[in-house]
Amino acid sequence: DLAPWADAIRKVAKEMEVPLVDLHARSVA
């Protein structure tokens, strides 16, 4: 249920060139 919020954070990180810790993807798997 948190996938859309994770996607929003990924988008902000990409647009602003911020390092991303993708805990959501890792924890989901």
mmCIF file of all heavy atoms, coordinates in Angstrom:
data_MODEL
# 
_entry.id   MODEL 
# 
loop_
_atom_site.group_PDB 
_atom_site.id 
_atom_site.type_symbol 
_atom_site.label_atom_id 
_atom_site.label_alt_id 
_atom_site.label_comp_id 
_atom_site.label_asym_id 
_atom_site.label_entity_id 
_atom_site.label_seq_id 
_atom_site.pdbx_PDB_ins_code 
_atom_site.Cartn_x 
_atom_site.Cartn_y 
_atom_site.Cartn_z 
_atom_site.occupancy 
_atom_site.B_iso_or_equiv 
_atom_site.pdbx_formal_charge 
_atom_site.auth_seq_id 
_atom_site.auth_comp_id 
_atom_site.auth_asym_id 
_atom_site.auth_atom_id 
_atom_site.pdbx_PDB_model_num 
ATOM 1   N N   . ASP A 1 1  ? 0.798  -1.226  0.000   1.00 0.00 ? 1  ASP A N   1 
ATOM 2   C CA  . ASP A 1 1  ? 0.000  0.000   0.000   1.00 0.00 ? 1  ASP A CA  1 
ATOM 3   C C   . ASP A 1 1  ? 0.826  1.269   0.000   1.00 0.00 ? 1  ASP A C   1 
ATOM 4   O O   . ASP A 1 1  ? 0.298  2.369   -0.207  1.00 0.00 ? 1  ASP A O   1 
ATOM 5   C CB  . ASP A 1 1  ? -0.968 0.001   1.189   1.00 0.00 ? 1  ASP A CB  1 
ATOM 6   C CG  . ASP A 1 1  ? -0.256 0.049   2.538   1.00 0.00 ? 1  ASP A CG  1 
ATOM 7   O OD1 . ASP A 1 1  ? 0.901  -0.421  2.618   1.00 0.00 ? 1  ASP A OD1 1 
ATOM 8   O OD2 . ASP A 1 1  ? -0.858 0.549   3.503   1.00 0.00 ? 1  ASP A OD2 1 
ATOM 9   N N   . LEU A 1 2  ? 2.134  1.168   0.219   1.00 0.00 ? 2  LEU A N   1 
ATOM 10  C CA  . LEU A 1 2  ? 2.989  2.355   0.257   1.00 0.00 ? 2  LEU A CA  1 
ATOM 11  C C   . LEU A 1 2  ? 3.716  2.616   -1.060  1.00 0.00 ? 2  LEU A C   1 
ATOM 12  O O   . LEU A 1 2  ? 4.497  3.559   -1.161  1.00 0.00 ? 2  LEU A O   1 
ATOM 13  C CB  . LEU A 1 2  ? 4.012  2.231   1.389   1.00 0.00 ? 2  LEU A CB  1 
ATOM 14  C CG  . LEU A 1 2  ? 3.450  2.484   2.788   1.00 0.00 ? 2  LEU A CG  1 
ATOM 15  C CD1 . LEU A 1 2  ? 4.337  1.854   3.846   1.00 0.00 ? 2  LEU A CD1 1 
ATOM 16  C CD2 . LEU A 1 2  ? 3.303  3.980   3.043   1.00 0.00 ? 2  LEU A CD2 1 
ATOM 17  N N   . ALA A 1 3  ? 3.449  1.809   -2.073  1.00 0.00 ? 3  ALA A N   1 
ATOM 18  C CA  . ALA A 1 3  ? 4.142  1.955   -3.351  1.00 0.00 ? 3  ALA A CA  1 
ATOM 19  C C   . ALA A 1 3  ? 4.017  3.357   -3.954  1.00 0.00 ? 3  ALA A C   1 
ATOM 20  O O   . ALA A 1 3  ? 5.011  3.913   -4.439  1.00 0.00 ? 3  ALA A O   1 
ATOM 21  C CB  . ALA A 1 3  ? 3.654  0.901   -4.342  1.00 0.00 ? 3  ALA A CB  1 
ATOM 22  N N   . PRO A 1 4  ? 2.819  3.992   -3.952  1.00 0.00 ? 4  PRO A N   1 
ATOM 23  C CA  . PRO A 1 4  ? 2.735  5.334   -4.550  1.00 0.00 ? 4  PRO A CA  1 
ATOM 24  C C   . PRO A 1 4  ? 3.601  6.371   -3.836  1.00 0.00 ? 4  PRO A C   1 
ATOM 25  O O   . PRO A 1 4  ? 4.147  7.272   -4.482  1.00 0.00 ? 4  PRO A O   1 
ATOM 26  C CB  . PRO A 1 4  ? 1.243  5.670   -4.432  1.00 0.00 ? 4  PRO A CB  1 
ATOM 27  C CG  . PRO A 1 4  ? 0.550  4.339   -4.342  1.00 0.00 ? 4  PRO A CG  1 
ATOM 28  C CD  . PRO A 1 4  ? 1.492  3.472   -3.568  1.00 0.00 ? 4  PRO A CD  1 
ATOM 29  N N   . TRP A 1 5  ? 3.726  6.264   -2.520  1.00 0.00 ? 5  TRP A N   1 
ATOM 30  C CA  . TRP A 1 5  ? 4.557  7.214   -1.773  1.00 0.00 ? 5  TRP A CA  1 
ATOM 31  C C   . TRP A 1 5  ? 6.040  6.962   -2.051  1.00 0.00 ? 5  TRP A C   1 
ATOM 32  O O   . TRP A 1 5  ? 6.814  7.909   -2.160  1.00 0.00 ? 5  TRP A O   1 
ATOM 33  C CB  . TRP A 1 5  ? 4.233  7.117   -0.282  1.00 0.00 ? 5  TRP A CB  1 
ATOM 34  C CG  . TRP A 1 5  ? 2.954  7.836   0.038   1.00 0.00 ? 5  TRP A CG  1 
ATOM 35  C CD1 . TRP A 1 5  ? 2.826  9.120   0.509   1.00 0.00 ? 5  TRP A CD1 1 
ATOM 36  C CD2 . TRP A 1 5  ? 1.626  7.351   -0.151  1.00 0.00 ? 5  TRP A CD2 1 
ATOM 37  N NE1 . TRP A 1 5  ? 1.496  9.446   0.634   1.00 0.00 ? 5  TRP A NE1 1 
ATOM 38  C CE2 . TRP A 1 5  ? 0.728  8.381   0.243   1.00 0.00 ? 5  TRP A CE2 1 
ATOM 39  C CE3 . TRP A 1 5  ? 1.090  6.136   -0.597  1.00 0.00 ? 5  TRP A CE3 1 
ATOM 40  C CZ2 . TRP A 1 5  ? -0.651 8.230   0.200   1.00 0.00 ? 5  TRP A CZ2 1 
ATOM 41  C CZ3 . TRP A 1 5  ? -0.288 5.991   -0.652  1.00 0.00 ? 5  TRP A CZ3 1 
ATOM 42  C CH2 . TRP A 1 5  ? -1.139 7.023   -0.263  1.00 0.00 ? 5  TRP A CH2 1 
ATOM 43  N N   . ALA A 1 6  ? 6.400  5.711   -2.209  1.00 0.00 ? 6  ALA A N   1 
ATOM 44  C CA  . ALA A 1 6  ? 7.777  5.393   -2.589  1.00 0.00 ? 6  ALA A CA  1 
ATOM 45  C C   . ALA A 1 6  ? 8.090  5.948   -3.970  1.00 0.00 ? 6  ALA A C   1 
ATOM 46  O O   . ALA A 1 6  ? 9.166  6.517   -4.197  1.00 0.00 ? 6  ALA A O   1 
ATOM 47  C CB  . ALA A 1 6  ? 7.998  3.881   -2.544  1.00 0.00 ? 6  ALA A CB  1 
ATOM 48  N N   . ASP A 1 7  ? 7.154  5.813   -4.896  1.00 0.00 ? 7  ASP A N   1 
ATOM 49  C CA  . ASP A 1 7  ? 7.357  6.342   -6.249  1.00 0.00 ? 7  ASP A CA  1 
ATOM 50  C C   . ASP A 1 7  ? 7.527  7.861   -6.225  1.00 0.00 ? 7  ASP A C   1 
ATOM 51  O O   . ASP A 1 7  ? 8.361  8.415   -6.957  1.00 0.00 ? 7  ASP A O   1 
ATOM 52  C CB  . ASP A 1 7  ? 6.173  5.977   -7.143  1.00 0.00 ? 7  ASP A CB  1 
ATOM 53  C CG  . ASP A 1 7  ? 6.175  4.508   -7.560  1.00 0.00 ? 7  ASP A CG  1 
ATOM 54  O OD1 . ASP A 1 7  ? 7.252  3.872   -7.486  1.00 0.00 ? 7  ASP A OD1 1 
ATOM 55  O OD2 . ASP A 1 7  ? 5.099  4.007   -7.952  1.00 0.00 ? 7  ASP A OD2 1 
ATOM 56  N N   . ALA A 1 8  ? 6.744  8.539   -5.393  1.00 0.00 ? 8  ALA A N   1 
ATOM 57  C CA  . ALA A 1 8  ? 6.849  9.999   -5.304  1.00 0.00 ? 8  ALA A CA  1 
ATOM 58  C C   . ALA A 1 8  ? 8.226  10.414  -4.800  1.00 0.00 ? 8  ALA A C   1 
ATOM 59  O O   . ALA A 1 8  ? 8.817  11.389  -5.294  1.00 0.00 ? 8  ALA A O   1 
ATOM 60  C CB  . ALA A 1 8  ? 5.754  10.544  -4.386  1.00 0.00 ? 8  ALA A CB  1 
ATOM 61  N N   . ILE A 1 9  ? 8.759  9.684   -3.836  1.00 0.00 ? 9  ILE A N   1 
ATOM 62  C CA  . ILE A 1 9  ? 10.085 10.005  -3.300  1.00 0.00 ? 9  ILE A CA  1 
ATOM 63  C C   . ILE A 1 9  ? 11.167 9.727   -4.337  1.00 0.00 ? 9  ILE A C   1 
ATOM 64  O O   . ILE A 1 9  ? 12.116 10.508  -4.493  1.00 0.00 ? 9  ILE A O   1 
ATOM 65  C CB  . ILE A 1 9  ? 10.333 9.217   -2.005  1.00 0.00 ? 9  ILE A CB  1 
ATOM 66  C CG1 . ILE A 1 9  ? 9.386  9.706   -0.903  1.00 0.00 ? 9  ILE A CG1 1 
ATOM 67  C CG2 . ILE A 1 9  ? 11.787 9.362   -1.553  1.00 0.00 ? 9  ILE A CG2 1 
ATOM 68  C CD1 . ILE A 1 9  ? 9.404  8.865   0.342   1.00 0.00 ? 9  ILE A CD1 1 
ATOM 69  N N   . ARG A 1 10 ? 11.037 8.641   -5.057  1.00 0.00 ? 10 ARG A N   1 
ATOM 70  C CA  . ARG A 1 10 ? 12.011 8.338   -6.115  1.00 0.00 ? 10 ARG A CA  1 
ATOM 71  C C   . ARG A 1 10 ? 12.036 9.465   -7.151  1.00 0.00 ? 10 ARG A C   1 
ATOM 72  O O   . ARG A 1 10 ? 13.107 9.853   -7.647  1.00 0.00 ? 10 ARG A O   1 
ATOM 73  C CB  . ARG A 1 10 ? 11.660 7.016   -6.787  1.00 0.00 ? 10 ARG A CB  1 
ATOM 74  C CG  . ARG A 1 10 ? 11.822 5.794   -5.908  1.00 0.00 ? 10 ARG A CG  1 
ATOM 75  C CD  . ARG A 1 10 ? 11.567 4.506   -6.689  1.00 0.00 ? 10 ARG A CD  1 
ATOM 76  N NE  . ARG A 1 10 ? 11.492 3.356   -5.803  1.00 0.00 ? 10 ARG A NE  1 
ATOM 77  C CZ  . ARG A 1 10 ? 10.375 2.709   -5.495  1.00 0.00 ? 10 ARG A CZ  1 
ATOM 78  N NH1 . ARG A 1 10 ? 9.215  3.083   -6.043  1.00 0.00 ? 10 ARG A NH1 1 
ATOM 79  N NH2 . ARG A 1 10 ? 10.394 1.679   -4.672  1.00 0.00 ? 10 ARG A NH2 1 
ATOM 80  N N   . LYS A 1 11 ? 10.868 9.968   -7.496  1.00 0.00 ? 11 LYS A N   1 
ATOM 81  C CA  . LYS A 1 11 ? 10.784 11.042  -8.492  1.00 0.00 ? 11 LYS A CA  1 
ATOM 82  C C   . LYS A 1 11 ? 11.463 12.308  -7.994  1.00 0.00 ? 11 LYS A C   1 
ATOM 83  O O   . LYS A 1 11 ? 12.227 12.954  -8.735  1.00 0.00 ? 11 LYS A O   1 
ATOM 84  C CB  . LYS A 1 11 ? 9.314  11.320  -8.827  1.00 0.00 ? 11 LYS A CB  1 
ATOM 85  C CG  . LYS A 1 11 ? 9.136  12.346  -9.927  1.00 0.00 ? 11 LYS A CG  1 
ATOM 86  C CD  . LYS A 1 11 ? 7.658  12.527  -10.267 1.00 0.00 ? 11 LYS A CD  1 
ATOM 87  C CE  . LYS A 1 11 ? 7.486  13.575  -11.373 1.00 0.00 ? 11 LYS A CE  1 
ATOM 88  N NZ  . LYS A 1 11 ? 6.044  13.785  -11.710 1.00 0.00 ? 11 LYS A NZ  1 
ATOM 89  N N   . VAL A 1 12 ? 11.229 12.678  -6.734  1.00 0.00 ? 12 VAL A N   1 
ATOM 90  C CA  . VAL A 1 12 ? 11.868 13.867  -6.166  1.00 0.00 ? 12 VAL A CA  1 
ATOM 91  C C   . VAL A 1 12 ? 13.388 13.682  -6.130  1.00 0.00 ? 12 VAL A C   1 
ATOM 92  O O   . VAL A 1 12 ? 14.153 14.599  -6.474  1.00 0.00 ? 12 VAL A O   1 
ATOM 93  C CB  . VAL A 1 12 ? 11.328 14.156  -4.752  1.00 0.00 ? 12 VAL A CB  1 
ATOM 94  C CG1 . VAL A 1 12 ? 12.140 15.248  -4.066  1.00 0.00 ? 12 VAL A CG1 1 
ATOM 95  C CG2 . VAL A 1 12 ? 9.862  14.558  -4.820  1.00 0.00 ? 12 VAL A CG2 1 
ATOM 96  N N   . ALA A 1 13 ? 13.838 12.510  -5.724  1.00 0.00 ? 13 ALA A N   1 
ATOM 97  C CA  . ALA A 1 13 ? 15.276 12.248  -5.657  1.00 0.00 ? 13 ALA A CA  1 
ATOM 98  C C   . ALA A 1 13 ? 15.921 12.385  -7.034  1.00 0.00 ? 13 ALA A C   1 
ATOM 99  O O   . ALA A 1 13 ? 17.011 12.965  -7.167  1.00 0.00 ? 13 ALA A O   1 
ATOM 100 C CB  . ALA A 1 13 ? 15.527 10.855  -5.094  1.00 0.00 ? 13 ALA A CB  1 
ATOM 101 N N   . LYS A 1 14 ? 15.253 11.881  -8.052  1.00 0.00 ? 14 LYS A N   1 
ATOM 102 C CA  . LYS A 1 14 ? 15.798 11.966  -9.410  1.00 0.00 ? 14 LYS A CA  1 
ATOM 103 C C   . LYS A 1 14 ? 15.822 13.407  -9.900  1.00 0.00 ? 14 LYS A C   1 
ATOM 104 O O   . LYS A 1 14 ? 16.830 13.870  -10.457 1.00 0.00 ? 14 LYS A O   1 
ATOM 105 C CB  . LYS A 1 14 ? 14.979 11.090  -10.357 1.00 0.00 ? 14 LYS A CB  1 
ATOM 106 C CG  . LYS A 1 14 ? 15.526 11.043  -11.769 1.00 0.00 ? 14 LYS A CG  1 
ATOM 107 C CD  . LYS A 1 14 ? 14.723 10.087  -12.642 1.00 0.00 ? 14 LYS A CD  1 
ATOM 108 C CE  . LYS A 1 14 ? 15.298 10.024  -14.053 1.00 0.00 ? 14 LYS A CE  1 
ATOM 109 N NZ  . LYS A 1 14 ? 14.520 9.085   -14.915 1.00 0.00 ? 14 LYS A NZ  1 
ATOM 110 N N   . GLU A 1 15 ? 14.726 14.127  -9.700  1.00 0.00 ? 15 GLU A N   1 
ATOM 111 C CA  . GLU A 1 15 ? 14.636 15.506  -10.186 1.00 0.00 ? 15 GLU A CA  1 
ATOM 112 C C   . GLU A 1 15 ? 15.641 16.425  -9.499  1.00 0.00 ? 15 GLU A C   1 
ATOM 113 O O   . GLU A 1 15 ? 16.203 17.322  -10.134 1.00 0.00 ? 15 GLU A O   1 
ATOM 114 C CB  . GLU A 1 15 ? 13.222 16.043  -9.955  1.00 0.00 ? 15 GLU A CB  1 
ATOM 115 C CG  . GLU A 1 15 ? 12.156 15.402  -10.830 1.00 0.00 ? 15 GLU A CG  1 
ATOM 116 C CD  . GLU A 1 15 ? 10.756 15.855  -10.453 1.00 0.00 ? 15 GLU A CD  1 
ATOM 117 O OE1 . GLU A 1 15 ? 10.591 16.515  -9.395  1.00 0.00 ? 15 GLU A OE1 1 
ATOM 118 O OE2 . GLU A 1 15 ? 9.819  15.539  -11.206 1.00 0.00 ? 15 GLU A OE2 1 
ATOM 119 N N   . MET A 1 16 ? 15.880 16.192  -8.208  1.00 0.00 ? 16 MET A N   1 
ATOM 120 C CA  . MET A 1 16 ? 16.745 17.087  -7.446  1.00 0.00 ? 16 MET A CA  1 
ATOM 121 C C   . MET A 1 16 ? 18.162 16.522  -7.274  1.00 0.00 ? 16 MET A C   1 
ATOM 122 O O   . MET A 1 16 ? 18.978 17.098  -6.564  1.00 0.00 ? 16 MET A O   1 
ATOM 123 C CB  . MET A 1 16 ? 16.114 17.378  -6.086  1.00 0.00 ? 16 MET A CB  1 
ATOM 124 C CG  . MET A 1 16 ? 14.732 18.006  -6.179  1.00 0.00 ? 16 MET A CG  1 
ATOM 125 S SD  . MET A 1 16 ? 14.096 18.579  -4.580  1.00 0.00 ? 16 MET A SD  1 
ATOM 126 C CE  . MET A 1 16 ? 15.086 20.062  -4.325  1.00 0.00 ? 16 MET A CE  1 
ATOM 127 N N   . GLU A 1 17 ? 18.434 15.403  -7.922  1.00 0.00 ? 17 GLU A N   1 
ATOM 128 C CA  . GLU A 1 17 ? 19.758 14.768  -7.873  1.00 0.00 ? 17 GLU A CA  1 
ATOM 129 C C   . GLU A 1 17 ? 20.200 14.526  -6.427  1.00 0.00 ? 17 GLU A C   1 
ATOM 130 O O   . GLU A 1 17 ? 21.269 14.944  -5.991  1.00 0.00 ? 17 GLU A O   1 
ATOM 131 C CB  . GLU A 1 17 ? 20.785 15.616  -8.627  1.00 0.00 ? 17 GLU A CB  1 
ATOM 132 C CG  . GLU A 1 17 ? 20.451 15.777  -10.106 1.00 0.00 ? 17 GLU A CG  1 
ATOM 133 C CD  . GLU A 1 17 ? 21.497 16.573  -10.862 1.00 0.00 ? 17 GLU A CD  1 
ATOM 134 O OE1 . GLU A 1 17 ? 22.278 17.298  -10.225 1.00 0.00 ? 17 GLU A OE1 1 
ATOM 135 O OE2 . GLU A 1 17 ? 21.527 16.469  -12.099 1.00 0.00 ? 17 GLU A OE2 1 
ATOM 136 N N   . VAL A 1 18 ? 19.333 13.824  -5.698  1.00 0.00 ? 18 VAL A N   1 
ATOM 137 C CA  . VAL A 1 18 ? 19.576 13.491  -4.298  1.00 0.00 ? 18 VAL A CA  1 
ATOM 138 C C   . VAL A 1 18 ? 19.862 11.993  -4.196  1.00 0.00 ? 18 VAL A C   1 
ATOM 139 O O   . VAL A 1 18 ? 19.169 11.192  -4.818  1.00 0.00 ? 18 VAL A O   1 
ATOM 140 C CB  . VAL A 1 18 ? 18.338 13.830  -3.437  1.00 0.00 ? 18 VAL A CB  1 
ATOM 141 C CG1 . VAL A 1 18 ? 18.567 13.473  -1.976  1.00 0.00 ? 18 VAL A CG1 1 
ATOM 142 C CG2 . VAL A 1 18 ? 17.986 15.304  -3.580  1.00 0.00 ? 18 VAL A CG2 1 
ATOM 143 N N   . PRO A 1 19 ? 20.865 11.579  -3.412  1.00 0.00 ? 19 PRO A N   1 
ATOM 144 C CA  . PRO A 1 19 ? 21.068 10.142  -3.185  1.00 0.00 ? 19 PRO A CA  1 
ATOM 145 C C   . PRO A 1 19 ? 19.802 9.502   -2.625  1.00 0.00 ? 19 PRO A C   1 
ATOM 146 O O   . PRO A 1 19 ? 19.108 10.097  -1.799  1.00 0.00 ? 19 PRO A O   1 
ATOM 147 C CB  . PRO A 1 19 ? 22.208 10.104  -2.165  1.00 0.00 ? 19 PRO A CB  1 
ATOM 148 C CG  . PRO A 1 19 ? 22.918 11.402  -2.333  1.00 0.00 ? 19 PRO A CG  1 
ATOM 149 C CD  . PRO A 1 19 ? 21.868 12.395  -2.716  1.00 0.00 ? 19 PRO A CD  1 
ATOM 150 N N   . LEU A 1 20 ? 19.515 8.283   -3.085  1.00 0.00 ? 20 LEU A N   1 
ATOM 151 C CA  . LEU A 1 20 ? 18.288 7.594   -2.692  1.00 0.00 ? 20 LEU A CA  1 
ATOM 152 C C   . LEU A 1 20 ? 18.623 6.266   -2.025  1.00 0.00 ? 20 LEU A C   1 
ATOM 153 O O   . LEU A 1 20 ? 19.362 5.456   -2.570  1.00 0.00 ? 20 LEU A O   1 
ATOM 154 C CB  . LEU A 1 20 ? 17.409 7.339   -3.910  1.00 0.00 ? 20 LEU A CB  1 
ATOM 155 C CG  . LEU A 1 20 ? 16.113 6.571   -3.654  1.00 0.00 ? 20 LEU A CG  1 
ATOM 156 C CD1 . LEU A 1 20 ? 15.109 7.450   -2.907  1.00 0.00 ? 20 LEU A CD1 1 
ATOM 157 C CD2 . LEU A 1 20 ? 15.513 6.056   -4.967  1.00 0.00 ? 20 LEU A CD2 1 
ATOM 158 N N   . VAL A 1 21 ? 18.058 6.053   -0.840  1.00 0.00 ? 21 VAL A N   1 
ATOM 159 C CA  . VAL A 1 21 ? 18.075 4.741   -0.187  1.00 0.00 ? 21 VAL A CA  1 
ATOM 160 C C   . VAL A 1 21 ? 16.703 4.132   -0.438  1.00 0.00 ? 21 VAL A C   1 
ATOM 161 O O   . VAL A 1 21 ? 15.709 4.552   0.153   1.00 0.00 ? 21 VAL A O   1 
ATOM 162 C CB  . VAL A 1 21 ? 18.359 4.874   1.331   1.00 0.00 ? 21 VAL A CB  1 
ATOM 163 C CG1 . VAL A 1 21 ? 18.119 3.552   2.043   1.00 0.00 ? 21 VAL A CG1 1 
ATOM 164 C CG2 . VAL A 1 21 ? 19.784 5.361   1.556   1.00 0.00 ? 21 VAL A CG2 1 
ATOM 165 N N   . ASP A 1 22 ? 16.651 3.169   -1.341  1.00 0.00 ? 22 ASP A N   1 
ATOM 166 C CA  . ASP A 1 22 ? 15.353 2.604   -1.720  1.00 0.00 ? 22 ASP A CA  1 
ATOM 167 C C   . ASP A 1 22 ? 14.987 1.463   -0.774  1.00 0.00 ? 22 ASP A C   1 
ATOM 168 O O   . ASP A 1 22 ? 14.933 0.297   -1.162  1.00 0.00 ? 22 ASP A O   1 
ATOM 169 C CB  . ASP A 1 22 ? 15.364 2.137   -3.169  1.00 0.00 ? 22 ASP A CB  1 
ATOM 170 C CG  . ASP A 1 22 ? 13.954 2.054   -3.765  1.00 0.00 ? 22 ASP A CG  1 
ATOM 171 O OD1 . ASP A 1 22 ? 12.981 2.099   -2.973  1.00 0.00 ? 22 ASP A OD1 1 
ATOM 172 O OD2 . ASP A 1 22 ? 13.821 1.951   -4.994  1.00 0.00 ? 22 ASP A OD2 1 
ATOM 173 N N   . LEU A 1 23 ? 14.715 1.841   0.466   1.00 0.00 ? 23 LEU A N   1 
ATOM 174 C CA  . LEU A 1 23 ? 14.339 0.859   1.481   1.00 0.00 ? 23 LEU A CA  1 
ATOM 175 C C   . LEU A 1 23 ? 13.038 0.167   1.115   1.00 0.00 ? 23 LEU A C   1 
ATOM 176 O O   . LEU A 1 23 ? 12.852 -1.018  1.428   1.00 0.00 ? 23 LEU A O   1 
ATOM 177 C CB  . LEU A 1 23 ? 14.217 1.551   2.838   1.00 0.00 ? 23 LEU A CB  1 
ATOM 178 C CG  . LEU A 1 23 ? 13.755 0.692   4.013   1.00 0.00 ? 23 LEU A CG  1 
ATOM 179 C CD1 . LEU A 1 23 ? 14.694 -0.485  4.247   1.00 0.00 ? 23 LEU A CD1 1 
ATOM 180 C CD2 . LEU A 1 23 ? 13.615 1.536   5.277   1.00 0.00 ? 23 LEU A CD2 1 
ATOM 181 N N   . HIS A 1 24 ? 12.146 0.868   0.457   1.00 0.00 ? 24 HIS A N   1 
ATOM 182 C CA  . HIS A 1 24 ? 10.864 0.260   0.113   1.00 0.00 ? 24 HIS A CA  1 
ATOM 183 C C   . HIS A 1 24 ? 11.056 -0.930  -0.818  1.00 0.00 ? 24 HIS A C   1 
ATOM 184 O O   . HIS A 1 24 ? 10.535 -2.025  -0.563  1.00 0.00 ? 24 HIS A O   1 
ATOM 185 C CB  . HIS A 1 24 ? 9.930  1.291   -0.527  1.00 0.00 ? 24 HIS A CB  1 
ATOM 186 C CG  . HIS A 1 24 ? 8.556  0.771   -0.764  1.00 0.00 ? 24 HIS A CG  1 
ATOM 187 N ND1 . HIS A 1 24 ? 7.636  0.614   0.241   1.00 0.00 ? 24 HIS A ND1 1 
ATOM 188 C CD2 . HIS A 1 24 ? 7.940  0.320   -1.886  1.00 0.00 ? 24 HIS A CD2 1 
ATOM 189 C CE1 . HIS A 1 24 ? 6.516  0.117   -0.239  1.00 0.00 ? 24 HIS A CE1 1 
ATOM 190 N NE2 . HIS A 1 24 ? 6.676  -0.079  -1.548  1.00 0.00 ? 24 HIS A NE2 1 
ATOM 191 N N   . ALA A 1 25 ? 11.796 -0.727  -1.891  1.00 0.00 ? 25 ALA A N   1 
ATOM 192 C CA  . ALA A 1 25 ? 12.001 -1.816  -2.847  1.00 0.00 ? 25 ALA A CA  1 
ATOM 193 C C   . ALA A 1 25 ? 12.695 -3.001  -2.197  1.00 0.00 ? 25 ALA A C   1 
ATOM 194 O O   . ALA A 1 25 ? 12.294 -4.163  -2.397  1.00 0.00 ? 25 ALA A O   1 
ATOM 195 C CB  . ALA A 1 25 ? 12.809 -1.311  -4.042  1.00 0.00 ? 25 ALA A CB  1 
ATOM 196 N N   . ARG A 1 26 ? 13.725 -2.728  -1.392  1.00 0.00 ? 26 ARG A N   1 
ATOM 197 C CA  . ARG A 1 26 ? 14.466 -3.804  -0.747  1.00 0.00 ? 26 ARG A CA  1 
ATOM 198 C C   . ARG A 1 26 ? 13.603 -4.536  0.266   1.00 0.00 ? 26 ARG A C   1 
ATOM 199 O O   . ARG A 1 26 ? 13.620 -5.768  0.360   1.00 0.00 ? 26 ARG A O   1 
ATOM 200 C CB  . ARG A 1 26 ? 15.720 -3.247  -0.062  1.00 0.00 ? 26 ARG A CB  1 
ATOM 201 C CG  . ARG A 1 26 ? 16.830 -2.800  -1.000  1.00 0.00 ? 26 ARG A CG  1 
ATOM 202 C CD  . ARG A 1 26 ? 17.640 -3.961  -1.560  1.00 0.00 ? 26 ARG A CD  1 
ATOM 203 N NE  . ARG A 1 26 ? 18.318 -4.726  -0.521  1.00 0.00 ? 26 ARG A NE  1 
ATOM 204 C CZ  . ARG A 1 26 ? 19.568 -4.458  -0.100  1.00 0.00 ? 26 ARG A CZ  1 
ATOM 205 N NH1 . ARG A 1 26 ? 20.247 -3.434  -0.611  1.00 0.00 ? 26 ARG A NH1 1 
ATOM 206 N NH2 . ARG A 1 26 ? 20.140 -5.208  0.819   1.00 0.00 ? 26 ARG A NH2 1 
ATOM 207 N N   . SER A 1 27 ? 12.839 -3.789  1.062   1.00 0.00 ? 27 SER A N   1 
ATOM 208 C CA  . SER A 1 27 ? 12.028 -4.432  2.098   1.00 0.00 ? 27 SER A CA  1 
ATOM 209 C C   . SER A 1 27 ? 10.845 -5.190  1.505   1.00 0.00 ? 27 SER A C   1 
ATOM 210 O O   . SER A 1 27 ? 10.468 -6.253  2.010   1.00 0.00 ? 27 SER A O   1 
ATOM 211 C CB  . SER A 1 27 ? 11.558 -3.399  3.129   1.00 0.00 ? 27 SER A CB  1 
ATOM 212 O OG  . SER A 1 27 ? 10.752 -2.394  2.535   1.00 0.00 ? 27 SER A OG  1 
ATOM 213 N N   . VAL A 1 28 ? 10.265 -4.682  0.428   1.00 0.00 ? 28 VAL A N   1 
ATOM 214 C CA  . VAL A 1 28 ? 9.178  -5.393  -0.242  1.00 0.00 ? 28 VAL A CA  1 
ATOM 215 C C   . VAL A 1 28 ? 9.667  -6.752  -0.739  1.00 0.00 ? 28 VAL A C   1 
ATOM 216 O O   . VAL A 1 28 ? 9.023  -7.793  -0.533  1.00 0.00 ? 28 VAL A O   1 
ATOM 217 C CB  . VAL A 1 28 ? 8.610  -4.563  -1.410  1.00 0.00 ? 28 VAL A CB  1 
ATOM 218 C CG1 . VAL A 1 28 ? 7.795  -5.439  -2.360  1.00 0.00 ? 28 VAL A CG1 1 
ATOM 219 C CG2 . VAL A 1 28 ? 7.741  -3.428  -0.889  1.00 0.00 ? 28 VAL A CG2 1 
ATOM 220 N N   . ALA A 1 29 ? 10.811 -6.761  -1.407  1.00 0.00 ? 29 ALA A N   1 
ATOM 221 C CA  . ALA A 1 29 ? 11.349 -8.015  -1.940  1.00 0.00 ? 29 ALA A CA  1 
ATOM 222 C C   . ALA A 1 29 ? 11.649 -9.005  -0.820  1.00 0.00 ? 29 ALA A C   1 
ATOM 223 O O   . ALA A 1 29 ? 11.345 -10.202 -0.930  1.00 0.00 ? 29 ALA A O   1 
ATOM 224 C CB  . ALA A 1 29 ? 12.609 -7.733  -2.756  1.00 0.00 ? 29 ALA A CB  1 
# 
